[in-house]
Amino acid sequence: MIFNLIEQKTPQIINGGSHTDERGTISFVNNFDFEGVNRFYTIHHPNTEIIRAWQGHTQDSKYYYPVKGCWLIAWVKMELDKAEEDWEVDYIKLSASDNKIVFLPPGYANGFKALEKDSIIIGFSAPGGIEEKEILRWDSDRWLDWSFVEKDLSE
């Protein structure tokens, strides 16, 4: 089943896989449809102290695929009719060996923290049909105690 996420309103995890033989390993996420994606970028965290959070997009969809190391990826739905203190955060630990993509539709803020040194993640961006005029930003400790979550995930 190919995931066409243009109309999706909630975050999704798109599963992939890998195949290893005498030639090496190929990793893939065949169910990812690049429809609407107009740019991509890489994020490299040389250490595990860096937190890149929170950045919210009202129009753009985002896809994140870890290609090296391990990441804590978090998101929160920007419910502008609610107090920010009531926004609920969710997160996932993703490793490059998981071969999964996290999809975040418009209306979500996100953040990242590498859980291993020299981790790299690719981000894909798909505009929502109109130019993104405003990117919303908050301090990295706004909704999540990153060190607590990291410790909880390692237990």
C-alpha atoms as a PDB file:
ATOM      1  CA  MET A   1       0.000   0.000   0.000  1.00  0.00           C
ATOM      2  CA  ILE A   2       1.554   3.295  -1.104  1.00  0.00           C
ATOM      3  CA  PHE A   3       1.019   6.085   1.414  1.00  0.00           C
ATOM      4  CA  ASN A   4      -0.349   9.185  -0.260  1.00  0.00           C
ATOM      5  CA  LEU A   5      -0.332  11.489   2.718  1.00  0.00           C
ATOM      6  CA  ILE A   6      -1.427  14.738   1.094  1.00  0.00           C
ATOM      7  CA  GLU A   7      -4.847  14.578   2.790  1.00  0.00           C
ATOM      8  CA  GLN A   8      -3.707  13.009   6.095  1.00  0.00           C
ATOM      9  CA  LYS A   9      -4.481  15.026   9.206  1.00  0.00           C
ATOM     10  CA  THR A  10      -2.552  12.991  11.799  1.00  0.00           C
ATOM     11  CA  PRO A  11       1.080  11.912  12.113  1.00  0.00           C
ATOM     12  CA  GLN A  12       1.922   8.552  10.533  1.00  0.00           C
ATOM     13  CA  ILE A  13       4.810   6.102  10.608  1.00  0.00           C
ATOM     14  CA  ILE A  14       5.650   4.638   7.191  1.00  0.00           C
ATOM     15  CA  ASN A  15       7.402   1.292   7.516  1.00  0.00           C
ATOM     16  CA  GLY A  16      10.202   0.144   5.262  1.00  0.00           C
ATOM     17  CA  GLY A  17      12.650  -2.699   5.275  1.00  0.00           C
ATOM     18  CA  SER A  18      16.051  -3.905   4.201  1.00  0.00           C
ATOM     19  CA  HIS A  19      17.685  -6.738   2.339  1.00  0.00           C
ATOM     20  CA  THR A  20      21.184  -8.061   2.925  1.00  0.00           C
ATOM     21  CA  ASP A  21      23.189 -10.393   0.714  1.00  0.00           C
ATOM     22  CA  GLU A  22      26.829 -10.822  -0.356  1.00  0.00           C
ATOM     23  CA  ARG A  23      26.733  -7.388  -2.055  1.00  0.00           C
ATOM     24  CA  GLY A  24      25.784  -5.531   1.126  1.00  0.00           C
ATOM     25  CA  THR A  25      22.545  -4.102   2.466  1.00  0.00           C
ATOM     26  CA  ILE A  26      19.872  -2.079   0.760  1.00  0.00           C
ATOM     27  CA  SER A  27      17.435  -0.143   2.941  1.00  0.00           C
ATOM     28  CA  PHE A  28      14.135   1.082   1.573  1.00  0.00           C
ATOM     29  CA  VAL A  29      10.769   2.633   2.324  1.00  0.00           C
ATOM     30  CA  ASN A  30       8.888   1.573  -0.807  1.00  0.00           C
ATOM     31  CA  ASN A  31       5.545   2.762   0.543  1.00  0.00           C
ATOM     32  CA  PHE A  32       6.664   6.394   0.601  1.00  0.00           C
ATOM     33  CA  ASP A  33       5.162   8.457  -2.229  1.00  0.00           C
ATOM     34  CA  PHE A  34       7.135  11.622  -2.991  1.00  0.00           C
ATOM     35  CA  GLU A  35       4.001  13.368  -4.295  1.00  0.00           C
ATOM     36  CA  GLY A  36       4.077  17.009  -3.252  1.00  0.00           C
ATOM     37  CA  VAL A  37       7.646  16.949  -1.916  1.00  0.00           C
ATOM     38  CA  ASN A  38       9.505  19.951  -3.279  1.00  0.00           C
ATOM     39  CA  ARG A  39      12.705  19.992  -1.230  1.00  0.00           C
ATOM     40  CA  PHE A  40      14.827  17.996   1.155  1.00  0.00           C
ATOM     41  CA  TYR A  41      17.598  18.681   3.626  1.00  0.00           C
ATOM     42  CA  THR A  42      19.825  16.832   6.068  1.00  0.00           C
ATOM     43  CA  ILE A  43      20.338  17.549   9.742  1.00  0.00           C
ATOM     44  CA  HIS A  44      23.542  16.372  11.395  1.00  0.00           C
ATOM     45  CA  HIS A  45      24.004  16.388  15.154  1.00  0.00           C
ATOM     46  CA  PRO A  46      27.665  15.766  16.004  1.00  0.00           C
ATOM     47  CA  ASN A  47      26.769  15.060  19.649  1.00  0.00           C
ATOM     48  CA  THR A  48      23.802  14.156  21.829  1.00  0.00           C
ATOM     49  CA  GLU A  49      23.551  17.523  23.579  1.00  0.00           C
ATOM     50  CA  ILE A  50      21.889  19.412  20.722  1.00  0.00           C
ATOM     51  CA  ILE A  51      18.116  19.851  20.749  1.00  0.00           C
ATOM     52  CA  ARG A  52      16.472  21.293  17.645  1.00  0.00           C
ATOM     53  CA  ALA A  53      12.976  22.273  18.789  1.00  0.00           C
ATOM     54  CA  TRP A  54      10.238  23.539  18.498  1.00  0.00           C
ATOM     55  CA  GLN A  55       9.326  24.644  14.993  1.00  0.00           C
ATOM     56  CA  GLY A  56       5.745  24.600  13.737  1.00  0.00           C
ATOM     57  CA  HIS A  57       4.404  24.713  10.211  1.00  0.00           C
ATOM     58  CA  THR A  58       0.863  25.768   9.412  1.00  0.00           C
ATOM     59  CA  GLN A  59       0.997  24.831   5.704  1.00  0.00           C
ATOM     60  CA  ASP A  60       3.886  22.404   5.099  1.00  0.00           C
ATOM     61  CA  SER A  61       3.918  18.659   5.638  1.00  0.00           C
ATOM     62  CA  LYS A  62       7.180  17.165   6.883  1.00  0.00           C
ATOM     63  CA  TYR A  63       8.708  13.704   6.501  1.00  0.00           C
ATOM     64  CA  TYR A  64      11.749  12.601   8.519  1.00  0.00           C
ATOM     65  CA  TYR A  65      13.985   9.621   7.762  1.00  0.00           C
ATOM     66  CA  PRO A  66      17.010   8.823   9.938  1.00  0.00           C
ATOM     67  CA  VAL A  67      19.925   7.676   7.784  1.00  0.00           C
ATOM     68  CA  LYS A  68      22.589   7.404  10.489  1.00  0.00           C
ATOM     69  CA  GLY A  69      22.391   6.882  14.211  1.00  0.00           C
ATOM     70  CA  CYS A  70      19.351   7.157  16.414  1.00  0.00           C
ATOM     71  CA  TRP A  71      16.920  10.024  17.049  1.00  0.00           C
ATOM     72  CA  LEU A  72      14.232  11.112  19.435  1.00  0.00           C
ATOM     73  CA  ILE A  73      11.597  12.796  17.236  1.00  0.00           C
ATOM     74  CA  ALA A  74       8.767  14.673  18.963  1.00  0.00           C
ATOM     75  CA  TRP A  75       5.695  16.547  17.757  1.00  0.00           C
ATOM     76  CA  VAL A  76       2.766  18.486  19.124  1.00  0.00           C
ATOM     77  CA  LYS A  77      -0.472  19.454  17.398  1.00  0.00           C
ATOM     78  CA  MET A  78      -0.790  23.228  17.346  1.00  0.00           C
ATOM     79  CA  GLU A  79      -4.363  23.586  18.575  1.00  0.00           C
ATOM     80  CA  LEU A  80      -4.633  27.342  18.348  1.00  0.00           C
ATOM     81  CA  ASP A  81      -8.029  27.345  20.064  1.00  0.00           C
ATOM     82  CA  LYS A  82      -6.449  25.812  23.205  1.00  0.00           C
ATOM     83  CA  ALA A  83      -3.896  27.136  25.658  1.00  0.00           C
ATOM     84  CA  GLU A  84      -0.389  26.007  24.642  1.00  0.00           C
ATOM     85  CA  GLU A  85       0.029  24.337  28.055  1.00  0.00           C
ATOM     86  CA  ASP A  86      -2.733  21.914  27.046  1.00  0.00           C
ATOM     87  CA  TRP A  87      -1.128  20.833  23.775  1.00  0.00           C
ATOM     88  CA  GLU A  88      -0.175  17.162  23.913  1.00  0.00           C
ATOM     89  CA  VAL A  89       3.259  16.022  22.854  1.00  0.00           C
ATOM     90  CA  ASP A  90       4.031  12.665  21.291  1.00  0.00           C
ATOM     91  CA  TYR A  91       7.370  11.169  20.321  1.00  0.00           C
ATOM     92  CA  ILE A  92       9.144   8.189  18.870  1.00  0.00           C
ATOM     93  CA  LYS A  93      12.655   6.802  19.017  1.00  0.00           C
ATOM     94  CA  LEU A  94      13.848   6.011  15.498  1.00  0.00           C
ATOM     95  CA  SER A  95      17.070   4.441  14.399  1.00  0.00           C
ATOM     96  CA  ALA A  96      18.531   4.366  10.910  1.00  0.00           C
ATOM     97  CA  SER A  97      18.184   0.576  11.053  1.00  0.00           C
ATOM     98  CA  ASP A  98      14.401   0.884  11.592  1.00  0.00           C
ATOM     99  CA  ASN A  99      13.823   1.989   7.980  1.00  0.00           C
ATOM    100  CA  LYS A 100      10.809   4.109   8.890  1.00  0.00           C
ATOM    101  CA  ILE A 101       9.649   7.578   7.956  1.00  0.00           C
ATOM    102  CA  VAL A 102       7.743   9.871  10.322  1.00  0.00           C
ATOM    103  CA  PHE A 103       5.096  11.978   8.563  1.00  0.00           C
ATOM    104  CA  LEU A 104       3.801  15.196  10.162  1.00  0.00           C
ATOM    105  CA  PRO A 105       0.930  17.011   8.439  1.00  0.00           C
ATOM    106  CA  PRO A 106       0.479  20.777   8.529  1.00  0.00           C
ATOM    107  CA  GLY A 107      -0.447  22.108  11.946  1.00  0.00           C
ATOM    108  CA  TYR A 108       2.252  20.309  13.930  1.00  0.00           C
ATOM    109  CA  ALA A 109       5.378  21.590  15.634  1.00  0.00           C
ATOM    110  CA  ASN A 110       8.334  19.237  15.866  1.00  0.00           C
ATOM    111  CA  GLY A 111      11.691  18.763  17.498  1.00  0.00           C
ATOM    112  CA  PHE A 112      14.695  16.415  17.416  1.00  0.00           C
ATOM    113  CA  LYS A 113      17.488  15.155  19.583  1.00  0.00           C
ATOM    114  CA  ALA A 114      20.183  12.747  18.470  1.00  0.00           C
ATOM    115  CA  LEU A 115      20.548   9.785  20.797  1.00  0.00           C
ATOM    116  CA  GLU A 116      23.897   8.772  19.274  1.00  0.00           C
ATOM    117  CA  LYS A 117      26.883  10.887  18.211  1.00  0.00           C
ATOM    118  CA  ASP A 118      27.106  11.824  14.534  1.00  0.00           C
ATOM    119  CA  SER A 119      23.446  11.067  13.792  1.00  0.00           C
ATOM    120  CA  ILE A 120      21.979  12.269  10.493  1.00  0.00           C
ATOM    121  CA  ILE A 121      18.336  12.633   9.497  1.00  0.00           C
ATOM    122  CA  ILE A 122      16.815  13.645   6.163  1.00  0.00           C
ATOM    123  CA  GLY A 123      13.818  15.966   6.114  1.00  0.00           C
ATOM    124  CA  PHE A 124      11.431  16.212   3.174  1.00  0.00           C
ATOM    125  CA  SER A 125       9.058  19.153   2.845  1.00  0.00           C
ATOM    126  CA  ALA A 126       5.752  19.263   0.974  1.00  0.00           C
ATOM    127  CA  PRO A 127       4.004  22.631   0.744  1.00  0.00           C
ATOM    128  CA  GLY A 128       0.281  22.744   1.414  1.00  0.00           C
ATOM    129  CA  GLY A 129      -0.615  24.570  -1.779  1.00  0.00           C
ATOM    130  CA  ILE A 130       0.081  28.090  -0.556  1.00  0.00           C
ATOM    131  CA  GLU A 131       3.391  29.582   0.434  1.00  0.00           C
ATOM    132  CA  GLU A 132       4.257  29.125   4.104  1.00  0.00           C
ATOM    133  CA  LYS A 133       4.116  32.651   5.477  1.00  0.00           C
ATOM    134  CA  GLU A 134       4.795  31.961   9.105  1.00  0.00           C
ATOM    135  CA  ILE A 135       6.922  29.389  10.874  1.00  0.00           C
ATOM    136  CA  LEU A 136       6.115  29.310  14.566  1.00  0.00           C
ATOM    137  CA  ARG A 137       8.928  28.735  17.085  1.00  0.00           C
ATOM    138  CA  TRP A 138       9.138  27.933  20.787  1.00  0.00           C
ATOM    139  CA  ASP A 139      11.937  27.189  23.247  1.00  0.00           C
ATOM    140  CA  SER A 140      13.210  23.609  23.221  1.00  0.00           C
ATOM    141  CA  ASP A 141      11.958  22.878  26.744  1.00  0.00           C
ATOM    142  CA  ARG A 142       8.395  24.094  26.034  1.00  0.00           C
ATOM    143  CA  TRP A 143       6.531  20.752  26.096  1.00  0.00           C
ATOM    144  CA  LEU A 144       9.128  18.079  26.732  1.00  0.00           C
ATOM    145  CA  ASP A 145      11.852  17.241  29.208  1.00  0.00           C
ATOM    146  CA  TRP A 146      14.176  15.749  26.597  1.00  0.00           C
ATOM    147  CA  SER A 147      16.612  14.194  29.070  1.00  0.00           C
ATOM    148  CA  PHE A 148      13.783  12.511  31.003  1.00  0.00           C
ATOM    149  CA  VAL A 149      12.294  11.030  27.824  1.00  0.00           C
ATOM    150  CA  GLU A 150      15.716   9.913  26.623  1.00  0.00           C
ATOM    151  CA  LYS A 151      16.347   8.159  29.936  1.00  0.00           C
ATOM    152  CA  ASP A 152      12.858   6.577  29.847  1.00  0.00           C
ATOM    153  CA  LEU A 153      13.432   5.250  26.308  1.00  0.00           C
ATOM    154  CA  SER A 154      16.736   3.642  27.289  1.00  0.00           C
ATOM    155  CA  GLU A 155      15.242   1.644  30.191  1.00  0.00           C
END
